[in-house]
Amino acid sequence: MDYYKKGEEKFGFVSSRLYSFGSSRSMQKFYFFIAKDIGKEKPKSILDIGAGPGDLALKLSKIKNAKVYCVDPSPSMMKVAENKFIKNKAKNIEYKLGSSRYIPIKDKFDIIVTTISFHHWKEKENSIRYILKRLNENGKFVIYEFCYDKLNTLQKLSIGKHSLSIKQAKSYKFKGYTKKIDIINKIIKVSFTKDS
């Protein structure tokens, strides 16, 4: 089964390994920050959508009493990640093929997170609606992306397509959920929490 929508960037055998090589060197501080940020919520169940080569999942797995689930449409990314989990003796991570439109896990989650993946999604609003239904009662969905508004001219040329603007973030509104937008350096964090 192909979990990609037409036009979404696909990661195969070579591109998955190249991405993993780059992210394991350039993104570690970012992943530490996210794991610390999510850890403040004291979640028992975390879903990482667009989990890629598993670097964030490894950091999330250090959160006390948390079970981490990963979903990604790329079999090659899953293989890279599973090798990392074995190498790091991670026991509380489960990885499945899926997407922002198809989560092949029956459970609901305390936290659902996506990191530098949201820009790939073709049907963003439909995906968010679907994801919000998979949250526990006090659950939270959090998007971390590069903030287009905070990138310099060169960065906009190189990673502008891999970013989210404040205007775009403000446009997503869903009844029954409170949205919060935070800017941290060049990162935009958009979180949706169920209204009580």
Protein backbone atom coordinates (compact mmCIF):
# COMPACT_ATOMS: atom_id res chain seq x y z
CA MET A 1 0.00 0.00 0.00
CA ASP A 2 1.26 3.49 -0.89
CA TYR A 3 0.67 5.94 1.98
CA TYR A 4 1.81 8.97 -0.02
CA LYS A 5 -0.56 11.41 -1.70
CA LYS A 6 0.26 12.42 -5.26
CA GLY A 7 2.82 15.24 -5.14
CA GLU A 8 4.18 14.46 -1.68
CA GLU A 9 7.95 14.02 -1.40
CA LYS A 10 8.83 10.32 -1.22
CA PHE A 11 11.78 8.91 0.68
CA GLY A 12 13.30 5.76 -0.73
CA PHE A 13 16.35 3.65 0.11
CA VAL A 14 19.01 6.26 -0.72
CA SER A 15 17.14 9.45 0.28
CA SER A 16 16.15 7.95 3.66
CA ARG A 17 19.75 7.17 4.51
CA LEU A 18 20.96 10.59 3.33
CA TYR A 19 18.24 12.29 5.38
CA SER A 20 19.14 10.22 8.44
CA PHE A 21 22.84 11.05 8.02
CA GLY A 22 22.08 14.78 7.85
CA SER A 23 19.46 14.95 10.60
CA SER A 24 21.51 12.90 13.05
CA ARG A 25 24.18 15.60 12.82
CA SER A 26 22.25 18.84 12.33
CA MET A 27 18.95 18.33 14.20
CA GLN A 28 19.93 16.80 17.54
CA LYS A 29 19.66 20.00 19.61
CA PHE A 30 16.28 20.65 18.06
CA TYR A 31 15.07 17.14 18.91
CA PHE A 32 16.35 17.50 22.50
CA PHE A 33 14.40 20.75 22.79
CA ILE A 34 11.19 19.12 21.49
CA ALA A 35 11.53 16.10 23.78
CA LYS A 36 12.03 18.42 26.76
CA ASP A 37 9.07 20.56 25.67
CA ILE A 38 6.79 17.52 25.28
CA GLY A 39 8.11 15.97 28.50
CA LYS A 40 6.61 18.90 30.45
CA GLU A 41 3.16 17.50 29.60
CA LYS A 42 4.04 14.16 31.29
CA PRO A 43 2.37 12.12 28.53
CA LYS A 44 1.86 8.37 28.84
CA SER A 45 1.32 7.91 25.10
CA ILE A 46 2.98 9.86 22.28
CA LEU A 47 2.47 9.55 18.53
CA ASP A 48 5.13 10.96 16.19
CA ILE A 49 3.68 11.48 12.68
CA GLY A 50 6.27 11.68 9.91
CA ALA A 51 8.74 10.07 12.30
CA GLY A 52 11.38 9.60 9.59
CA PRO A 53 14.63 8.00 10.77
CA GLY A 54 13.51 7.92 14.41
CA ASP A 55 15.84 10.47 16.00
CA LEU A 56 13.05 12.32 17.80
CA ALA A 57 11.38 9.07 18.86
CA LEU A 58 14.59 7.97 20.59
CA LYS A 59 14.60 11.19 22.62
CA LEU A 60 10.88 10.93 23.38
CA SER A 61 11.41 7.37 24.62
CA LYS A 62 13.40 8.80 27.54
CA ILE A 63 10.26 10.49 28.92
CA LYS A 64 9.32 8.63 32.10
CA ASN A 65 6.49 6.08 31.70
CA ALA A 66 5.85 7.11 28.07
CA LYS A 67 5.11 4.73 25.21
CA VAL A 68 6.13 6.17 21.83
CA TYR A 69 4.42 5.30 18.57
CA CYS A 70 5.76 6.31 15.17
CA VAL A 71 4.00 6.60 11.82
CA ASP A 72 5.66 7.32 8.47
CA PRO A 73 4.74 6.50 4.85
CA SER A 74 8.27 5.36 3.92
CA PRO A 75 9.28 1.69 4.41
CA SER A 76 12.91 2.78 3.99
CA MET A 77 12.62 5.36 6.79
CA MET A 78 11.02 2.71 9.00
CA LYS A 79 13.92 0.33 8.38
CA VAL A 80 16.50 3.03 9.21
CA ALA A 81 14.60 3.89 12.40
CA GLU A 82 14.18 0.28 13.53
CA ASN A 83 17.94 -0.28 13.16
CA LYS A 84 18.55 2.78 15.36
CA PHE A 85 16.09 1.50 17.97
CA ILE A 86 17.87 -1.88 18.09
CA LYS A 87 21.30 -0.21 18.32
CA ASN A 88 20.08 2.03 21.16
CA LYS A 89 18.16 -0.82 22.90
CA ALA A 90 14.95 1.23 22.87
CA LYS A 91 12.08 -0.94 24.17
CA ASN A 92 9.12 1.44 24.35
CA ILE A 93 8.87 2.48 20.68
CA GLU A 94 6.53 1.03 18.07
CA TYR A 95 6.84 2.02 14.38
CA LYS A 96 4.15 1.51 11.74
CA LEU A 97 3.68 2.49 8.12
CA GLY A 98 0.98 5.14 7.80
CA SER A 99 0.49 8.86 7.33
CA SER A 100 -1.26 11.97 8.62
CA ARG A 101 -4.40 10.53 6.98
CA TYR A 102 -4.04 6.93 8.18
CA ILE A 103 -2.88 6.01 11.68
CA PRO A 104 -2.86 2.18 11.92
CA ILE A 105 -3.00 2.13 15.74
CA LYS A 106 -6.28 1.71 17.66
CA ASP A 107 -5.23 3.72 20.72
CA LYS A 108 -5.79 7.42 21.33
CA PHE A 109 -2.87 9.57 22.47
CA ASP A 110 -1.95 12.15 25.10
CA ILE A 111 0.35 13.92 22.64
CA ILE A 112 0.52 13.75 18.87
CA VAL A 113 3.51 15.54 17.39
CA THR A 114 4.85 16.24 13.93
CA THR A 115 8.26 17.79 13.35
CA ILE A 116 9.47 19.32 10.07
CA SER A 117 6.92 17.10 8.31
CA PHE A 118 3.74 19.17 8.17
CA HIS A 119 4.90 21.07 5.08
CA HIS A 120 4.85 17.77 3.14
CA TRP A 121 1.16 17.10 3.81
CA LYS A 122 -1.09 17.67 0.81
CA GLU A 123 -4.39 17.83 2.71
CA LYS A 124 -3.38 19.73 5.83
CA GLU A 125 -6.82 20.69 7.17
CA ASN A 126 -8.32 17.23 6.60
CA SER A 127 -5.26 15.65 8.21
CA ILE A 128 -5.54 17.90 11.27
CA ARG A 129 -9.26 17.08 11.65
CA TYR A 130 -8.45 13.37 11.49
CA ILE A 131 -5.56 13.69 13.97
CA LEU A 132 -7.60 15.69 16.49
CA LYS A 133 -10.06 12.78 16.69
CA ARG A 134 -7.18 10.55 17.82
CA LEU A 135 -6.43 12.57 20.96
CA ASN A 136 -7.29 11.51 24.50
CA GLU A 137 -9.65 13.75 26.51
CA ASN A 138 -6.89 16.15 27.59
CA GLY A 139 -4.73 15.47 24.56
CA LYS A 140 -2.68 17.88 22.50
CA PHE A 141 -1.55 17.96 18.87
CA VAL A 142 1.68 19.89 18.31
CA ILE A 143 3.26 20.97 15.01
CA TYR A 144 6.90 22.13 14.90
CA GLU A 145 8.11 23.68 11.64
CA PHE A 146 10.60 26.26 10.48
CA CYS A 147 8.89 29.66 10.69
CA TYR A 148 8.92 31.26 7.24
CA ASP A 149 8.66 34.77 8.72
CA LYS A 150 11.87 34.29 10.73
CA LEU A 151 14.03 32.95 7.90
CA ASN A 152 16.52 35.22 6.18
CA THR A 153 16.53 35.62 2.38
CA LEU A 154 19.00 32.78 1.78
CA GLN A 155 17.11 30.45 4.16
CA LYS A 156 13.83 31.28 2.42
CA LEU A 157 15.42 30.19 -0.87
CA SER A 158 16.85 26.97 0.57
CA ILE A 159 14.21 25.82 3.10
CA GLY A 160 11.30 28.18 2.45
CA LYS A 161 9.23 25.32 0.99
CA HIS A 162 9.92 23.38 4.18
CA SER A 163 8.37 25.96 6.48
CA LEU A 164 5.12 27.37 7.82
CA SER A 165 4.20 31.05 7.94
CA ILE A 166 2.44 32.71 10.87
CA LYS A 167 -0.40 33.64 8.50
CA GLN A 168 -0.85 29.99 7.48
CA ALA A 169 -0.76 28.86 11.12
CA LYS A 170 -3.43 31.42 12.04
CA SER A 171 -5.70 30.14 9.26
CA TYR A 172 -6.21 26.70 10.86
CA LYS A 173 -9.26 26.83 13.13
CA PHE A 174 -11.20 23.88 14.48
CA LYS A 175 -14.34 24.04 16.59
CA GLY A 176 -13.88 22.58 20.06
CA TYR A 177 -10.10 23.12 20.10
CA THR A 178 -7.94 25.95 21.37
CA LYS A 179 -4.96 26.84 19.18
CA LYS A 180 -1.75 28.39 20.47
CA ILE A 181 1.11 29.70 18.32
CA ASP A 182 4.62 30.14 19.74
CA ILE A 183 7.73 31.32 17.92
CA ILE A 184 11.00 29.93 19.28
CA ASN A 185 13.98 31.34 17.36
CA LYS A 186 13.30 30.20 13.78
CA ILE A 187 10.75 27.56 14.78
CA ILE A 188 6.98 27.93 14.85
CA LYS A 189 5.09 25.73 17.30
CA VAL A 190 1.36 25.34 16.73
CA SER A 191 -0.60 23.40 19.33
CA PHE A 192 -4.23 22.32 19.44
CA THR A 193 -5.83 21.34 22.74
CA LYS A 194 -9.37 20.08 23.31
CA ASP A 195 -11.63 22.62 24.98
CA SER A 196 -12.83 21.50 28.39
